[in-house]
């Protein structure tokens, strides 16, 4: 996923250890969604999308996801809460 690669590259420039921790946090969050798909908060826009917030350092990663027609969890986007998303 392009978002995960982008985030890993950003953290890797600062610290390879931080990049590894960031990747683990994101992967752990994705694994949690497989076990407990309704854990994230609903977006409230009738699309079925949800967001899981996974704490990381002084911020968090946000995993936006939804279930497809086969009840498979599809992660749509991942970003860090301190990113400028404009």
N, C-alpha and C. Protein backbone atom coordinates (compact mmCIF):
# COMPACT_ATOMS: atom_id res chain seq x y z
N UNK A 1 0.84 -1.17 0.00
CA UNK A 1 0.00 0.00 0.00
C UNK A 1 0.89 1.24 0.00
N UNK A 2 0.55 2.17 -0.82
CA UNK A 2 1.37 3.37 -1.02
C UNK A 2 1.48 4.20 0.25
N UNK A 3 0.40 4.29 1.03
CA UNK A 3 0.45 5.08 2.26
C UNK A 3 1.48 4.52 3.24
N UNK A 4 1.51 3.21 3.39
CA UNK A 4 2.44 2.59 4.33
C UNK A 4 3.87 2.79 3.87
N UNK A 5 4.11 2.65 2.58
CA UNK A 5 5.46 2.88 2.03
C UNK A 5 5.89 4.33 2.25
N UNK A 6 4.98 5.27 2.04
CA UNK A 6 5.27 6.70 2.22
C UNK A 6 5.61 6.99 3.68
N UNK A 7 4.81 6.45 4.59
CA UNK A 7 5.05 6.67 6.01
C UNK A 7 6.35 6.02 6.46
N UNK A 8 6.62 4.83 5.97
CA UNK A 8 7.87 4.14 6.33
C UNK A 8 9.07 4.95 5.86
N UNK A 9 9.02 5.43 4.64
CA UNK A 9 10.13 6.23 4.10
C UNK A 9 10.34 7.50 4.91
N UNK A 10 9.25 8.16 5.30
CA UNK A 10 9.34 9.38 6.11
C UNK A 10 10.03 9.09 7.44
N UNK A 11 9.58 8.06 8.14
CA UNK A 11 10.18 7.74 9.44
C UNK A 11 11.59 7.19 9.29
N UNK A 12 11.86 6.46 8.22
CA UNK A 12 13.18 5.87 8.02
C UNK A 12 14.26 6.95 7.90
N UNK A 13 13.91 8.07 7.24
CA UNK A 13 14.86 9.18 7.12
C UNK A 13 15.26 9.71 8.49
N UNK A 14 14.34 9.68 9.41
CA UNK A 14 14.60 10.19 10.76
C UNK A 14 15.26 9.14 11.63
N UNK A 15 14.76 7.88 11.50
CA UNK A 15 15.30 6.80 12.33
C UNK A 15 14.79 5.46 11.81
N UNK A 16 15.70 4.56 11.41
CA UNK A 16 15.26 3.23 10.99
C UNK A 16 14.49 2.49 12.08
N UNK A 17 14.86 2.73 13.34
CA UNK A 17 14.15 2.08 14.45
C UNK A 17 12.71 2.59 14.52
N UNK A 18 12.53 3.90 14.38
CA UNK A 18 11.19 4.48 14.40
C UNK A 18 10.37 3.97 13.22
N UNK A 19 11.00 3.82 12.07
CA UNK A 19 10.30 3.30 10.90
C UNK A 19 9.81 1.87 11.14
N UNK A 20 10.63 1.06 11.77
CA UNK A 20 10.24 -0.32 12.08
C UNK A 20 9.08 -0.33 13.08
N UNK A 21 9.15 0.54 14.09
CA UNK A 21 8.07 0.63 15.08
C UNK A 21 6.78 1.11 14.42
N UNK A 22 6.90 2.07 13.50
CA UNK A 22 5.72 2.58 12.81
C UNK A 22 5.06 1.47 11.98
N UNK A 23 5.87 0.72 11.25
CA UNK A 23 5.34 -0.38 10.43
C UNK A 23 4.65 -1.41 11.32
N UNK A 24 5.26 -1.73 12.46
CA UNK A 24 4.66 -2.70 13.38
C UNK A 24 3.33 -2.20 13.91
N UNK A 25 3.26 -0.93 14.25
CA UNK A 25 2.01 -0.34 14.76
C UNK A 25 0.90 -0.45 13.73
N UNK A 26 1.22 -0.14 12.48
CA UNK A 26 0.23 -0.21 11.41
C UNK A 26 -0.20 -1.65 11.17
N UNK A 27 0.76 -2.56 11.10
CA UNK A 27 0.43 -3.97 10.89
C UNK A 27 -0.36 -4.56 12.05
N UNK A 28 -0.02 -4.17 13.27
CA UNK A 28 -0.79 -4.63 14.43
C UNK A 28 -2.24 -4.13 14.35
N UNK A 29 -2.40 -2.88 13.94
CA UNK A 29 -3.75 -2.32 13.78
C UNK A 29 -4.54 -3.08 12.72
N UNK A 30 -3.89 -3.40 11.61
CA UNK A 30 -4.56 -4.17 10.55
C UNK A 30 -4.94 -5.55 11.05
N UNK A 31 -4.07 -6.17 11.84
CA UNK A 31 -4.38 -7.48 12.41
C UNK A 31 -5.55 -7.41 13.37
N UNK A 32 -5.63 -6.35 14.13
CA UNK A 32 -6.74 -6.17 15.05
C UNK A 32 -8.06 -6.07 14.29
N UNK A 33 -8.03 -5.40 13.15
CA UNK A 33 -9.24 -5.27 12.33
C UNK A 33 -9.72 -6.63 11.84
N UNK A 34 -8.81 -7.53 11.55
CA UNK A 34 -9.20 -8.87 11.13
C UNK A 34 -9.91 -9.60 12.26
N UNK A 35 -9.45 -9.39 13.49
CA UNK A 35 -10.04 -10.08 14.64
C UNK A 35 -11.34 -9.42 15.11
N UNK A 36 -11.34 -8.09 15.11
CA UNK A 36 -12.48 -7.33 15.63
C UNK A 36 -12.83 -6.22 14.62
N UNK A 37 -13.49 -6.56 13.52
CA UNK A 37 -13.71 -5.59 12.44
C UNK A 37 -14.51 -4.34 12.83
N UNK A 38 -15.35 -4.44 13.84
CA UNK A 38 -16.17 -3.28 14.22
C UNK A 38 -15.54 -2.41 15.29
N UNK A 39 -14.24 -2.61 15.56
CA UNK A 39 -13.57 -1.87 16.62
C UNK A 39 -13.41 -0.38 16.28
N UNK A 40 -13.27 -0.04 15.01
CA UNK A 40 -13.09 1.35 14.62
C UNK A 40 -14.38 2.14 14.71
N UNK A 41 -14.24 3.45 14.80
CA UNK A 41 -15.45 4.28 14.90
C UNK A 41 -16.05 4.49 13.51
N UNK A 42 -17.37 4.44 13.41
CA UNK A 42 -18.02 4.68 12.12
C UNK A 42 -17.79 6.11 11.65
N UNK A 43 -17.68 6.29 10.34
CA UNK A 43 -17.48 7.63 9.78
C UNK A 43 -18.76 8.47 9.88
N UNK A 44 -19.91 7.81 9.97
CA UNK A 44 -21.15 8.55 10.11
C UNK A 44 -21.67 9.14 8.82
N UNK A 45 -21.22 8.60 7.70
CA UNK A 45 -21.66 9.14 6.41
C UNK A 45 -22.39 8.10 5.55
N UNK A 46 -22.87 7.04 6.18
CA UNK A 46 -23.64 5.98 5.51
C UNK A 46 -22.89 5.24 4.41
N UNK A 47 -21.54 5.27 4.45
CA UNK A 47 -20.75 4.55 3.45
C UNK A 47 -20.26 3.21 4.00
N UNK A 48 -20.38 3.02 5.31
CA UNK A 48 -19.86 1.81 5.94
C UNK A 48 -18.39 1.93 6.31
N UNK A 49 -17.77 3.08 5.99
CA UNK A 49 -16.36 3.27 6.33
C UNK A 49 -16.21 3.50 7.83
N UNK A 50 -15.07 3.06 8.35
CA UNK A 50 -14.75 3.21 9.76
C UNK A 50 -13.30 3.66 9.88
N UNK A 51 -12.91 4.15 11.06
CA UNK A 51 -11.53 4.55 11.32
C UNK A 51 -11.04 3.94 12.62
N UNK A 52 -9.86 3.35 12.54
CA UNK A 52 -9.18 2.85 13.73
C UNK A 52 -8.00 3.77 14.01
N UNK A 53 -7.86 4.21 15.24
CA UNK A 53 -6.75 5.06 15.65
C UNK A 53 -5.78 4.21 16.45
N UNK A 54 -4.54 4.11 15.97
CA UNK A 54 -3.50 3.32 16.62
C UNK A 54 -2.43 4.26 17.14
N UNK A 55 -2.30 4.36 18.46
CA UNK A 55 -1.34 5.28 19.08
C UNK A 55 0.09 4.99 18.62
N UNK A 56 0.82 6.08 18.37
CA UNK A 56 2.22 5.96 17.98
C UNK A 56 2.95 7.22 18.42
N UNK A 57 3.90 7.06 19.32
CA UNK A 57 4.70 8.17 19.86
C UNK A 57 3.75 9.27 20.36
N UNK A 58 3.93 10.50 19.94
CA UNK A 58 3.08 11.59 20.42
C UNK A 58 1.86 11.81 19.53
N UNK A 59 1.62 10.90 18.61
CA UNK A 59 0.47 11.00 17.73
C UNK A 59 -0.19 9.65 17.58
N UNK A 60 -0.67 9.40 16.38
CA UNK A 60 -1.34 8.12 16.10
C UNK A 60 -1.41 7.92 14.59
N UNK A 61 -1.59 6.67 14.22
CA UNK A 61 -1.90 6.36 12.83
C UNK A 61 -3.40 6.16 12.74
N UNK A 62 -3.98 6.64 11.65
CA UNK A 62 -5.41 6.45 11.40
C UNK A 62 -5.53 5.49 10.23
N UNK A 63 -6.23 4.39 10.46
CA UNK A 63 -6.48 3.40 9.41
C UNK A 63 -7.95 3.52 9.02
N UNK A 64 -8.22 4.00 7.84
CA UNK A 64 -9.60 4.09 7.35
C UNK A 64 -9.88 2.82 6.56
N UNK A 65 -11.01 2.19 6.85
CA UNK A 65 -11.30 0.89 6.25
C UNK A 65 -12.80 0.67 6.08
N UNK A 66 -13.13 -0.39 5.38
CA UNK A 66 -14.52 -0.82 5.24
C UNK A 66 -14.54 -2.30 4.91
N UNK A 67 -15.69 -2.89 4.98
CA UNK A 67 -15.87 -4.29 4.57
C UNK A 67 -16.38 -4.30 3.13
N UNK A 68 -15.85 -5.25 2.33
CA UNK A 68 -16.37 -5.38 0.98
C UNK A 68 -17.57 -6.33 1.00
N UNK A 69 -18.07 -6.68 -0.16
CA UNK A 69 -19.25 -7.54 -0.27
C UNK A 69 -19.05 -8.93 0.32
N UNK A 70 -17.79 -9.36 0.47
CA UNK A 70 -17.48 -10.67 1.03
C UNK A 70 -17.11 -10.59 2.51
N UNK A 71 -17.37 -9.45 3.16
CA UNK A 71 -17.00 -9.20 4.55
C UNK A 71 -15.49 -9.18 4.78
N UNK A 72 -14.73 -8.96 3.72
CA UNK A 72 -13.28 -8.80 3.83
C UNK A 72 -12.99 -7.35 4.21
N UNK A 73 -12.06 -7.17 5.15
CA UNK A 73 -11.67 -5.82 5.56
C UNK A 73 -10.73 -5.24 4.49
N UNK A 74 -11.08 -4.05 3.99
CA UNK A 74 -10.27 -3.35 3.00
C UNK A 74 -9.81 -2.04 3.62
N UNK A 75 -8.50 -1.90 3.79
CA UNK A 75 -7.95 -0.66 4.33
C UNK A 75 -7.81 0.31 3.16
N UNK A 76 -8.49 1.42 3.29
CA UNK A 76 -8.55 2.40 2.20
C UNK A 76 -7.39 3.38 2.26
N UNK A 77 -7.11 3.90 3.47
CA UNK A 77 -6.05 4.89 3.64
C UNK A 77 -5.40 4.70 4.99
N UNK A 78 -4.15 5.13 5.10
CA UNK A 78 -3.44 5.18 6.38
C UNK A 78 -2.67 6.49 6.40
N UNK A 79 -2.75 7.21 7.51
CA UNK A 79 -1.97 8.43 7.65
C UNK A 79 -1.64 8.65 9.12
N UNK A 80 -0.66 9.51 9.35
CA UNK A 80 -0.30 9.89 10.71
C UNK A 80 -1.13 11.09 11.10
N UNK A 81 -1.56 11.12 12.35
CA UNK A 81 -2.45 12.18 12.80
C UNK A 81 -1.84 13.58 12.71
N UNK A 82 -0.52 13.68 12.66
CA UNK A 82 0.12 14.99 12.57
C UNK A 82 0.39 15.43 11.13
N UNK A 83 0.00 14.59 10.17
CA UNK A 83 0.20 14.98 8.77
C UNK A 83 -0.74 16.11 8.39
N UNK A 84 -0.26 16.97 7.53
CA UNK A 84 -1.10 18.01 6.94
C UNK A 84 -1.82 17.37 5.76
N UNK A 85 -3.11 17.16 5.88
CA UNK A 85 -3.86 16.42 4.86
C UNK A 85 -4.59 17.34 3.89
N UNK A 86 -4.20 18.59 3.78
CA UNK A 86 -4.89 19.50 2.87
C UNK A 86 -4.38 19.39 1.47
